[in-house]
Protein backbone atom coordinates (compact mmCIF):
# COMPACT_ATOMS: atom_id res chain seq x y z
CA UNK A 1 0.00 0.00 0.00
CA UNK A 2 2.80 2.38 0.91
CA UNK A 3 4.63 1.62 -2.33
CA UNK A 4 1.47 2.44 -4.28
CA UNK A 5 1.18 5.74 -2.43
CA UNK A 6 4.81 6.57 -3.15
CA UNK A 7 4.37 5.70 -6.82
CA UNK A 8 1.19 7.78 -6.98
CA UNK A 9 2.94 10.74 -5.34
CA UNK A 10 5.84 10.48 -7.78
CA UNK A 11 3.47 10.31 -10.72
CA UNK A 12 1.54 13.32 -9.43
CA UNK A 13 4.72 15.35 -8.89
CA UNK A 14 5.99 14.38 -12.36
CA UNK A 15 2.71 15.43 -13.96
CA UNK A 16 2.71 18.68 -11.97
CA UNK A 17 6.26 19.50 -13.09
CA UNK A 18 5.32 18.69 -16.69
CA UNK A 19 2.31 21.01 -16.51
CA UNK A 20 4.39 23.78 -14.95
CA UNK A 21 7.04 23.35 -17.65
CA UNK A 22 4.42 23.51 -20.40
CA UNK A 23 2.83 26.55 -18.82
CA UNK A 24 6.18 28.33 -18.48
CA UNK A 25 7.11 27.65 -22.12
CA UNK A 26 3.69 28.54 -23.51
CA UNK A 27 3.71 31.34 -26.13
CA UNK A 28 0.35 32.50 -24.75
CA UNK A 29 1.92 33.05 -21.33
CA UNK A 30 4.72 35.04 -22.93
CA UNK A 31 2.19 37.11 -24.86
CA UNK A 32 0.25 37.79 -21.66
CA UNK A 33 3.37 38.90 -19.79
CA UNK A 34 4.46 41.14 -22.65
CA UNK A 35 1.02 42.74 -22.89
CA UNK A 36 0.98 43.30 -19.12
CA UNK A 37 4.36 45.05 -19.37
CA UNK A 38 3.07 47.06 -22.31
CA UNK A 39 0.03 48.14 -20.29
CA UNK A 40 2.24 49.27 -17.41
CA UNK A 41 4.49 51.17 -19.80
CA UNK A 42 1.44 52.93 -21.23
CA UNK A 43 0.31 53.87 -17.72
CA UNK A 44 3.75 55.34 -17.07
CA UNK A 45 3.22 57.74 -19.99
CA UNK A 46 0.05 59.08 -18.36
CA UNK A 47 1.11 59.28 -14.71
CA UNK A 48 4.17 61.46 -13.91
CA UNK A 49 7.13 59.26 -12.99
CA UNK A 50 9.70 60.03 -10.31
CA UNK A 51 13.10 60.62 -11.98
CA UNK A 52 15.60 57.83 -11.39
CA UNK A 53 18.03 60.34 -9.92
CA UNK A 54 15.69 60.88 -6.94
CA UNK A 55 15.04 57.22 -6.14
CA UNK A 56 16.55 56.38 -2.76
CA UNK A 57 16.27 59.94 -1.47
CA UNK A 58 13.02 59.92 0.48
CA UNK A 59 12.96 63.67 1.10
CA UNK A 60 13.60 64.57 -2.54
CA UNK A 61 11.05 61.97 -3.71
CA UNK A 62 8.40 63.30 -1.31
CA UNK A 63 9.07 66.86 -2.49
CA UNK A 64 8.81 65.78 -6.13
CA UNK A 65 5.55 63.90 -5.52
CA UNK A 66 4.09 66.89 -3.70
CA UNK A 67 4.77 69.13 -6.71
CA UNK A 68 3.74 66.68 -9.46
CA UNK A 69 1.08 64.37 -7.97
CA UNK A 70 -1.88 65.78 -5.99
CA UNK A 71 -1.40 63.51 -2.98
CA UNK A 72 -4.40 64.96 -1.13
CA UNK A 73 -6.85 63.94 -3.85
CA UNK A 74 -8.26 60.44 -4.28
CA UNK A 75 -6.35 59.75 -7.49
CA UNK A 76 -3.12 60.98 -5.92
CA UNK A 77 -3.54 58.70 -2.92
CA UNK A 78 -4.23 55.72 -5.19
CA UNK A 79 -1.15 56.50 -7.30
CA UNK A 80 1.03 56.78 -4.20
CA UNK A 81 -0.38 53.65 -2.53
CA UNK A 82 0.06 51.46 -5.64
CA UNK A 83 3.50 52.83 -6.45
CA UNK A 84 2.38 54.03 -9.89
CA UNK A 85 4.70 57.00 -9.74
CA UNK A 86 7.73 54.75 -10.33
CA UNK A 87 6.41 51.91 -12.47
CA UNK A 88 9.56 50.93 -14.39
CA UNK A 89 11.45 50.30 -11.17
CA UNK A 90 8.55 49.01 -9.08
CA UNK A 91 7.90 45.57 -7.64
CA UNK A 92 5.20 44.58 -10.15
CA UNK A 93 7.37 45.52 -13.14
CA UNK A 94 10.31 43.53 -11.78
CA UNK A 95 8.08 40.55 -10.97
CA UNK A 96 6.68 40.47 -14.51
CA UNK A 97 10.20 40.78 -15.97
CA UNK A 98 11.35 37.90 -13.76
CA UNK A 99 8.46 35.69 -14.89
CA UNK A 100 9.17 36.61 -18.51
CA UNK A 101 12.84 35.69 -18.06
CA UNK A 102 11.82 32.27 -16.69
CA UNK A 103 9.38 31.75 -19.56
CA UNK A 104 11.96 32.67 -22.21
CA UNK A 105 14.61 30.45 -20.63
CA UNK A 106 12.29 27.45 -20.32
CA UNK A 107 11.04 27.77 -23.89
CA UNK A 108 14.61 28.10 -25.14
CA UNK A 109 15.62 24.91 -23.31
CA UNK A 110 12.52 23.20 -24.70
CA UNK A 111 13.17 24.36 -28.27
CA UNK A 112 16.89 23.76 -28.76
CA UNK A 113 16.85 19.92 -28.96
CA UNK A 114 14.07 19.93 -31.58
CA UNK A 115 15.82 22.59 -33.67
CA UNK A 116 19.08 20.66 -33.48
CA UNK A 117 17.33 17.53 -34.81
CA UNK A 118 15.77 19.55 -37.62
CA UNK A 119 19.18 21.00 -38.48
CA UNK A 120 20.83 17.61 -38.71
CA UNK A 121 18.04 15.33 -39.94
CA UNK A 122 15.38 17.53 -41.52
CA UNK A 123 11.68 17.36 -40.63
CA UNK A 124 10.32 13.97 -39.51
CA UNK A 125 8.37 11.93 -42.03
CA UNK A 126 5.11 12.25 -40.12
CA UNK A 127 5.35 16.03 -39.46
CA UNK A 128 3.99 18.89 -41.52
CA UNK A 129 0.88 19.44 -43.62
CA UNK A 130 0.03 16.53 -45.92
CA UNK A 131 -1.53 16.95 -49.35
CA UNK A 132 -2.06 14.17 -51.90
CA UNK A 133 -2.80 14.63 -55.60
CA UNK A 134 -2.38 12.76 -58.85
CA UNK A 135 -0.53 14.27 -61.79
CA UNK A 136 -1.45 13.13 -65.29
CA UNK A 137 2.22 12.58 -66.05
CA UNK A 138 4.59 9.64 -66.13
CA UNK A 139 6.88 9.27 -63.13
CA UNK A 140 10.07 10.59 -64.76
CA UNK A 141 8.30 13.59 -66.31
CA UNK A 142 6.63 14.40 -62.99
CA UNK A 143 10.07 14.22 -61.37
CA UNK A 144 11.45 16.75 -63.87
CA UNK A 145 8.52 19.10 -63.25
CA UNK A 146 8.96 18.95 -59.50
CA UNK A 147 12.72 19.36 -59.65
CA UNK A 148 12.34 22.37 -61.96
CA UNK A 149 9.88 23.97 -59.55
CA UNK A 150 12.19 23.21 -56.62
CA UNK A 151 15.07 24.85 -58.55
CA UNK A 152 17.03 21.60 -58.50
CA UNK A 153 18.02 22.00 -54.83
CA UNK A 154 16.67 18.63 -53.88
CA UNK A 155 17.73 15.33 -52.42
CA UNK A 156 16.47 12.33 -54.38
CA UNK A 157 16.04 9.04 -52.60
CA UNK A 158 15.14 5.94 -54.63
CA UNK A 159 12.90 3.48 -52.83
CA UNK A 160 11.00 0.44 -53.99
CA UNK A 161 8.53 1.70 -56.65
CA UNK A 162 8.80 5.18 -55.11
CA UNK A 163 10.97 8.27 -55.43
CA UNK A 164 11.27 10.77 -52.56
CA UNK A 165 12.31 14.38 -53.19
CA UNK A 166 13.19 16.59 -50.23
CA UNK A 167 14.21 20.20 -49.96
CA UNK A 168 14.95 22.55 -47.08
CA UNK A 169 15.01 26.31 -47.52
CA UNK A 170 16.46 28.80 -45.05
CA UNK A 171 18.00 26.27 -42.65
CA UNK A 172 19.89 29.04 -40.87
CA UNK A 173 16.56 30.52 -39.74
CA UNK A 174 16.02 27.39 -37.63
CA UNK A 175 17.96 29.38 -35.04
CA UNK A 176 15.97 32.58 -35.53
CA UNK A 177 13.41 32.04 -32.78
CA UNK A 178 16.04 30.62 -30.37
CA UNK A 179 18.06 33.80 -31.02
CA UNK A 180 15.01 35.91 -30.14
CA UNK A 181 14.44 33.93 -26.95
CA UNK A 182 18.12 34.02 -25.99
CA UNK A 183 18.33 37.73 -26.77
CA UNK A 184 15.24 38.48 -24.69
CA UNK A 185 16.59 36.55 -21.72
CA UNK A 186 19.98 38.27 -22.13
CA UNK A 187 18.32 41.70 -22.31
CA UNK A 188 16.36 41.06 -19.11
CA UNK A 189 19.48 39.73 -17.38
CA UNK A 190 21.44 42.84 -18.40
CA UNK A 191 18.70 45.14 -17.12
CA UNK A 192 18.59 43.23 -13.82
CA UNK A 193 22.38 43.51 -13.43
CA UNK A 194 22.11 47.23 -14.16
CA UNK A 195 19.49 47.65 -11.45
CA UNK A 196 21.54 45.70 -8.92
CA UNK A 197 25.11 46.78 -9.64
CA UNK A 198 25.11 50.08 -11.54
CA UNK A 199 25.42 53.56 -10.11
CA UNK A 200 24.92 57.06 -11.50
CA UNK A 201 26.09 60.43 -10.27
CA UNK A 202 24.22 63.15 -12.13
CA UNK A 203 24.80 66.88 -12.41
CA UNK A 204 28.45 66.62 -11.40
CA UNK A 205 29.56 70.24 -11.87
CA UNK A 206 33.20 70.68 -12.75
CA UNK A 207 34.39 74.32 -12.89
CA UNK A 208 37.75 75.07 -14.49
CA UNK A 209 40.66 75.00 -12.06
CA UNK A 210 38.83 73.01 -9.38
CA UNK A 211 39.22 69.35 -8.36
CA UNK A 212 36.08 67.30 -7.74
CA UNK A 213 35.65 63.87 -6.15
CA UNK A 214 32.63 61.59 -6.54
CA UNK A 215 31.13 59.52 -3.77
CA UNK A 216 31.18 56.10 -5.44
CA UNK A 217 34.92 56.26 -6.26
CA UNK A 218 36.48 58.39 -3.50
CA UNK A 219 40.02 57.64 -4.71
CA UNK A 220 39.24 59.27 -8.06
CA UNK A 221 39.78 63.02 -8.39
CA UNK A 222 38.95 64.81 -11.63
CA UNK A 223 39.42 68.27 -13.06
CA UNK A 224 39.29 70.02 -16.41
CA UNK A 225 42.75 70.00 -17.97
CA UNK A 226 42.01 71.91 -21.18
CA UNK A 227 38.73 73.54 -22.09
CA UNK A 228 39.19 73.66 -25.86
CA UNK A 229 39.19 70.89 -26.92
CA UNK A 230 37.80 69.68 -23.62
CA UNK A 231 39.95 67.18 -21.72
CA UNK A 232 39.31 65.55 -18.40
CA UNK A 233 42.27 64.91 -16.10
CA UNK A 234 41.88 61.98 -13.70
CA UNK A 235 44.11 61.63 -10.66
CA UNK A 236 44.08 58.00 -9.55
CA UNK A 237 46.24 55.73 -7.45
CA UNK A 238 47.96 54.67 -10.70
CA UNK A 239 48.79 58.27 -11.63
CA UNK A 240 47.30 60.89 -13.91
CA UNK A 241 45.32 60.20 -17.06
CA UNK A 242 43.95 62.59 -19.68
CA UNK A 243 40.68 61.71 -21.40
CA UNK A 244 39.07 63.60 -24.31
CA UNK A 245 35.54 64.64 -23.42
CA UNK A 246 32.82 65.57 -25.89
CA UNK A 247 29.08 65.27 -26.33
CA UNK A 248 27.92 62.00 -27.88
CA UNK A 249 31.33 60.51 -27.03
CA UNK A 250 31.70 59.59 -23.36
CA UNK A 251 35.14 59.21 -21.83
CA UNK A 252 35.89 55.80 -20.29
CA UNK A 253 38.16 54.70 -17.49
CA UNK A 254 38.17 51.33 -15.69
CA UNK A 255 34.48 50.61 -16.39
CA UNK A 256 33.41 54.17 -15.49
CA UNK A 257 31.90 56.42 -18.17
CA UNK A 258 31.91 60.22 -18.08
CA UNK A 259 29.06 61.74 -20.10
CA UNK A 260 29.28 65.43 -20.94
CA UNK A 261 25.80 66.90 -20.53
CA UNK A 262 26.64 70.51 -21.31
CA UNK A 263 29.33 73.17 -20.94
CA UNK A 264 27.96 76.15 -19.03
CA UNK A 265 29.98 79.37 -19.24
CA UNK A 266 32.65 80.33 -16.72
CA UNK A 267 34.46 83.62 -16.29
CA UNK A 268 38.07 84.09 -15.13
CA UNK A 269 38.59 87.57 -13.65
CA UNK A 270 41.68 89.61 -12.73
CA UNK A 271 42.06 93.26 -11.67
CA UNK A 272 45.17 95.50 -11.91
CA UNK A 273 45.86 99.12 -11.01
CA UNK A 274 47.34 101.58 -13.49
CA UNK A 275 50.87 100.74 -12.27
CA UNK A 276 50.31 96.99 -12.76
CA UNK A 277 49.64 95.89 -9.19
CA UNK A 278 47.15 93.03 -8.82
CA UNK A 279 44.12 93.68 -6.64
CA UNK A 280 42.46 91.10 -4.43
CA UNK A 281 38.99 90.02 -5.54
CA UNK A 282 36.47 88.92 -2.91
CA UNK A 283 33.92 86.31 -4.15
CA UNK A 284 30.66 85.89 -2.24
CA UNK A 285 31.51 82.36 -1.14
CA UNK A 286 35.28 82.27 -0.66
CA UNK A 287 38.53 83.92 0.35
CA UNK A 288 40.09 86.93 -1.44
CA UNK A 289 42.23 85.96 -4.43
CA UNK A 290 44.13 87.70 -7.17
CA UNK A 291 42.24 85.61 -9.74
CA UNK A 292 38.79 84.11 -9.36
CA UNK A 293 36.70 81.85 -11.56
CA UNK A 294 32.93 82.14 -11.54
CA UNK A 295 31.02 79.24 -13.12
CA UNK A 296 27.34 79.41 -14.07
CA UNK A 297 25.43 76.13 -13.91
CA UNK A 298 22.59 77.29 -16.14
CA UNK A 299 20.99 80.35 -17.73
CA UNK A 300 19.71 83.15 -15.48
CA UNK A 301 22.25 82.22 -12.80
CA UNK A 302 23.53 85.24 -10.88
CA UNK A 303 26.99 85.61 -9.34
CA UNK A 304 28.86 88.43 -7.68
CA UNK A 305 32.19 89.58 -6.23
CA UNK A 306 33.70 92.71 -4.68
CA UNK A 307 36.94 94.63 -5.09
CA UNK A 308 37.51 96.08 -1.57
CA UNK A 309 40.49 98.30 -2.53
CA UNK A 310 38.51 99.96 -5.31
CA UNK A 311 35.19 100.08 -3.41
CA UNK A 312 33.40 98.34 -6.31
CA UNK A 313 30.86 95.51 -6.38
CA UNK A 314 30.16 93.41 -9.46
CA UNK A 315 26.98 91.58 -10.49
CA UNK A 316 27.09 88.96 -13.26
CA UNK A 317 24.15 87.13 -14.88
CA UNK A 318 24.39 84.35 -17.48
CA UNK A 319 22.16 84.19 -20.57
CA UNK A 320 21.85 81.65 -23.37
CA UNK A 321 22.17 84.43 -25.95
CA UNK A 322 22.12 88.19 -26.36
CA UNK A 323 18.65 89.72 -25.86
CA UNK A 324 18.53 91.10 -29.39
CA UNK A 325 20.34 88.21 -31.13
CA UNK A 326 18.93 84.70 -30.46
CA UNK A 327 21.51 83.20 -32.83
CA UNK A 328 24.44 84.33 -30.70
CA UNK A 329 26.18 82.10 -28.20
CA UNK A 330 26.14 82.35 -24.40
CA UNK A 331 26.42 85.88 -23.04
CA UNK A 332 27.23 87.31 -19.60
CA UNK A 333 25.81 90.56 -18.30
CA UNK A 334 28.49 92.35 -16.27
CA UNK A 335 27.45 95.27 -14.03
CA UNK A 336 29.69 97.27 -11.67
CA UNK A 337 28.39 99.36 -8.75
CA UNK A 338 30.08 101.73 -6.40
CA UNK A 339 29.58 100.89 -2.74
CA UNK A 340 26.11 101.78 -1.45
CA UNK A 341 24.93 102.82 -4.95
CA UNK A 342 22.07 101.20 -6.87
CA UNK A 343 22.87 102.62 -10.31
CA UNK A 344 25.62 100.78 -12.19
CA UNK A 345 28.72 102.63 -13.29
CA UNK A 346 29.29 99.96 -15.91
CA UNK A 347 26.86 97.58 -17.65
CA UNK A 348 27.54 95.54 -20.76
CA UNK A 349 27.23 92.02 -22.24
CA UNK A 350 30.32 89.89 -22.73
CA UNK A 351 30.46 87.28 -25.48
CA UNK A 352 34.25 87.05 -25.71
CA UNK A 353 37.39 87.93 -23.75
CA UNK A 354 37.59 91.60 -22.82
CA UNK A 355 39.59 94.19 -20.88
CA UNK A 356 37.63 97.04 -19.29
CA UNK A 357 38.75 100.18 -17.35
CA UNK A 358 36.37 100.96 -14.45
CA UNK A 359 37.25 103.64 -11.89
CA UNK A 360 40.96 103.62 -12.75
CA UNK A 361 41.24 99.82 -12.47
CA UNK A 362 41.74 97.52 -15.46
CA UNK A 363 39.65 94.35 -15.29
CA UNK A 364 40.47 91.35 -17.46
CA UNK A 365 37.54 89.05 -18.24
CA UNK A 366 38.43 85.75 -19.88
CA UNK A 367 35.52 83.54 -20.93
CA UNK A 368 35.96 79.86 -20.28
CA UNK A 369 33.80 76.75 -19.93
CA UNK A 370 32.80 74.56 -17.03
CA UNK A 371 31.47 71.03 -17.51
CA UNK A 372 28.38 69.29 -16.20
CA UNK A 373 28.77 65.52 -16.20
CA UNK A 374 26.92 62.31 -15.52
CA UNK A 375 29.31 59.67 -14.17
CA UNK A 376 28.13 56.10 -14.67
CA UNK A 377 29.26 52.57 -14.00
CA UNK A 378 26.87 50.01 -15.49
CA UNK A 379 28.16 46.45 -15.91
CA UNK A 380 24.80 45.28 -17.27
CA UNK A 381 24.70 47.63 -20.25
CA UNK A 382 26.87 45.54 -22.65
CA UNK A 383 24.81 42.45 -21.80
CA UNK A 384 21.50 44.24 -22.39
CA UNK A 385 22.74 45.70 -25.67
CA UNK A 386 24.00 42.29 -26.85
CA UNK A 387 20.61 40.76 -26.00
CA UNK A 388 18.79 43.41 -28.00
CA UNK A 389 21.10 42.81 -30.97
CA UNK A 390 20.45 39.04 -30.80
CA UNK A 391 16.72 39.72 -30.87
CA UNK A 392 17.11 41.97 -33.92
CA UNK A 393 19.15 39.30 -35.70
CA UNK A 394 16.57 36.60 -34.95
CA UNK A 395 13.69 38.74 -36.20
CA UNK A 396 15.61 39.59 -39.38
CA UNK A 397 16.31 35.92 -40.06
CA UNK A 398 12.64 35.05 -39.68
CA UNK A 399 11.70 37.84 -42.07
CA UNK A 400 14.36 37.34 -44.74
CA UNK A 401 15.02 33.59 -44.65
CA UNK A 402 11.93 31.78 -43.32
CA UNK A 403 12.46 28.06 -42.92
CA UNK A 404 10.44 25.81 -45.21
CA UNK A 405 10.80 22.12 -46.00
CA UNK A 406 9.12 19.95 -48.62
CA UNK A 407 9.02 16.19 -48.94
CA UNK A 408 7.34 14.76 -52.06
CA UNK A 409 6.78 11.01 -52.31
CA UNK A 410 6.07 9.99 -55.93
CA UNK A 411 4.53 6.65 -56.87
CA UNK A 412 3.67 5.53 -60.39
CA UNK A 413 0.01 4.49 -60.81
CA UNK A 414 -2.24 3.64 -63.74
CA UNK A 415 -3.75 7.14 -63.63
CA UNK A 416 -0.36 8.87 -63.70
CA UNK A 417 1.90 9.79 -60.79
CA UNK A 418 0.56 10.03 -57.26
CA UNK A 419 2.34 12.79 -55.28
CA UNK A 420 2.08 12.89 -51.51
CA UNK A 421 3.32 16.23 -50.20
CA UNK A 422 4.55 16.96 -46.72
CA UNK A 423 5.15 20.65 -46.11
CA UNK A 424 6.75 21.94 -42.96
CA UNK A 425 7.21 25.53 -41.75
CA UNK A 426 8.18 27.41 -38.60
CA UNK A 427 7.04 30.67 -37.06
CA UNK A 428 6.25 33.33 -39.62
CA UNK A 429 5.21 31.05 -42.51
CA UNK A 430 2.20 28.78 -42.24
CA UNK A 431 2.55 25.47 -44.11
CA UNK A 432 -0.95 25.67 -45.58
CA UNK A 433 0.08 28.86 -47.42
CA UNK A 434 2.39 26.66 -49.51
CA UNK A 435 -0.39 24.53 -50.99
CA UNK A 436 0.58 25.46 -54.49
CA UNK A 437 -2.58 24.48 -56.36
CA UNK A 438 -1.14 21.50 -58.17
CA UNK A 439 2.31 23.18 -58.29
CA UNK A 440 1.28 25.76 -60.87
CA UNK A 441 2.32 28.84 -58.90
CA UNK A 442 4.22 29.98 -55.86
CA UNK A 443 2.62 31.82 -52.94
CA UNK A 444 1.88 35.41 -53.89
CA UNK A 445 2.93 38.45 -51.87
CA UNK A 446 -0.73 38.98 -51.02
CA UNK A 447 -0.84 35.56 -49.35
CA UNK A 448 2.09 36.42 -47.10
CA UNK A 449 1.46 40.14 -46.48
CA UNK A 450 -0.04 39.79 -43.02
CA UNK A 451 2.67 37.47 -41.77
CA UNK A 452 5.58 39.45 -43.18
CA UNK A 453 4.07 42.81 -42.20
CA UNK A 454 3.79 41.77 -38.54
CA UNK A 455 7.34 40.42 -38.63
CA UNK A 456 8.63 43.60 -40.32
CA UNK A 457 6.99 45.68 -37.59
CA UNK A 458 8.70 43.57 -34.95
CA UNK A 459 12.06 43.95 -36.69
CA UNK A 460 11.62 47.71 -37.05
CA UNK A 461 10.60 48.19 -33.42
CA UNK A 462 13.44 45.99 -32.13
CA UNK A 463 16.00 47.89 -34.21
CA UNK A 464 14.55 51.19 -32.99
CA UNK A 465 14.67 50.00 -29.37
CA UNK A 466 18.27 48.83 -29.76
CA UNK A 467 19.28 52.17 -31.26
CA UNK A 468 17.50 54.03 -28.47
CA UNK A 469 19.28 51.93 -25.82
CA UNK A 470 22.64 52.62 -27.44
CA UNK A 471 21.97 56.31 -28.15
CA UNK A 472 20.59 57.18 -24.72
CA UNK A 473 23.38 55.32 -22.93
CA UNK A 474 25.97 57.03 -25.10
CA UNK A 475 24.58 60.51 -24.47
CA UNK A 476 23.13 60.41 -20.96
CA UNK A 477 24.22 57.18 -19.28
CA UNK A 478 20.60 55.97 -18.99
CA UNK A 479 18.93 53.21 -21.02
CA UNK A 480 16.10 55.46 -22.11
CA UNK A 481 15.22 59.06 -21.57
CA UNK A 482 12.19 60.05 -19.56
CA UNK A 483 10.41 61.58 -22.54
CA UNK A 484 7.17 59.71 -23.37
CA UNK A 485 8.18 58.86 -26.93
CA UNK A 486 10.78 56.30 -25.82
CA UNK A 487 8.37 54.67 -23.37
CA UNK A 488 5.78 54.47 -26.14
CA UNK A 489 8.46 52.97 -28.36
CA UNK A 490 9.13 50.32 -25.74
CA UNK A 491 5.41 49.65 -25.46
CA UNK A 492 4.97 49.18 -29.21
CA UNK A 493 7.96 46.83 -29.25
CA UNK A 494 6.46 44.69 -26.52
CA UNK A 495 3.10 44.60 -28.29
CA UNK A 496 4.79 43.62 -31.57
CA UNK A 497 6.66 40.79 -29.87
CA UNK A 498 3.44 39.69 -28.18
CA UNK A 499 1.76 39.56 -31.58
CA UNK A 500 4.63 37.49 -32.92
CA UNK A 501 4.33 35.02 -30.05
CA UNK A 502 0.59 34.82 -30.52
CA UNK A 503 1.02 34.23 -34.24
CA UNK A 504 3.38 31.37 -33.50
CA UNK A 505 0.93 29.76 -31.09
CA UNK A 506 -1.92 29.90 -33.63
CA UNK A 507 0.31 28.32 -36.28
CA UNK A 508 1.09 25.46 -33.92
CA UNK A 509 -2.62 24.95 -33.34
CA UNK A 510 -3.24 25.05 -37.10
CA UNK A 511 -0.65 22.31 -37.71
CA UNK A 512 -2.14 20.14 -34.99
CA UNK A 513 -5.62 20.59 -36.47
CA UNK A 514 -4.45 19.76 -40.00
CA UNK A 515 -2.72 16.62 -38.73
CA UNK A 516 -6.00 15.60 -37.16
CA UNK A 517 -4.76 15.77 -33.56
């Protein structure tokens, strides 16, 4: 009795594992997960999302929510309670991505042995869509007709009173869907590694002549070595290193990337008397110096300094351009005031280096540039990018070289030649579309438009997503920008892939139905 119970328990557990495996590898499950992710991504385009830079800072996050989400209203409370203000980094999003990773991995493991057998041995005799017809031709003439239609790329096998012709087209695309599955799993793994192991330091402001350290790499000190062309000097334990720095071309050092966001203006100032003596300049936030550098983080930033010996106070304001010339470059408004006076004794815009005499003192203004950087270390980015490229390659293979196989068994009869066709296809091409109406014509473009159009959309969206991943990482250090268009792009990609998975599942059901299962 106990042995029967043990056997029954083993059988039950085996059946349960089989059902779980089938469920995990089901294309319908993948389609459902992708559509759920797409729905969440769409919601994130409607509800304001907390910037990634603020995540982890509870005070900054609370301040941002208070200014962007009406937390006192019912909708605001629901958004806050469900965590809808940070969907792409929330628990539900990560859970769905984890389930999708498991589904892709299981289906890949389930698919590889069958594809390997197809690669080596061709489709099994009993597989595919069967169609039988009789040609009013002798056996040898029927063979010539079939070989001409198959372009001669056939294998001929002589059997007793029968001849078998086989042909496989696009064998390399046997690995197309496995490439998509592998690429998807790799992409998700890279994103997970990025979430767990990457770090970003944004808005790192680097004025000329000043050394800055970042919190994640305290041993690394950086400063601007040359402002034109811009070079970044790193002081590390191994010594100094100069790196060229430009927009759309991040500097790299030991896995760390330095992205130049912009170059706000900076002004180097000196003052000399008529006999050449240097005067001390007193900035608002530092000690008196013979030369000071004022850097402006953004437009409309105001700075100031005083010249105690001359009894003069200066006010400086940065602008993106001259008020009367929008095509000009950055400009600085320089105003000088005598102590306790509200009317300026000097007021003018600077767009280049200048020397100005004010109250018997010569002031030298030399325009320079500061740098605003995003410093990133993201070990998951190459993995995610490789996964996206694998997915693009798999989709392209399915579109350009769909796998098809034919097996024609010819037998001479009194009425002519009996031809029994077996036609076999994979995702993207349904076998019944290759019923060639007694071999008189090939499938027309109209027959395949829906299939190829959906695949072309998937290819286009995957290429666009890959380019956006690469471009955004190259320019900003983030996988995608916070603008809605990239989130919508991601959503459309997920929907296209869901449609592809659903198409594959319906083709499998069609084959089973046509085989009479």
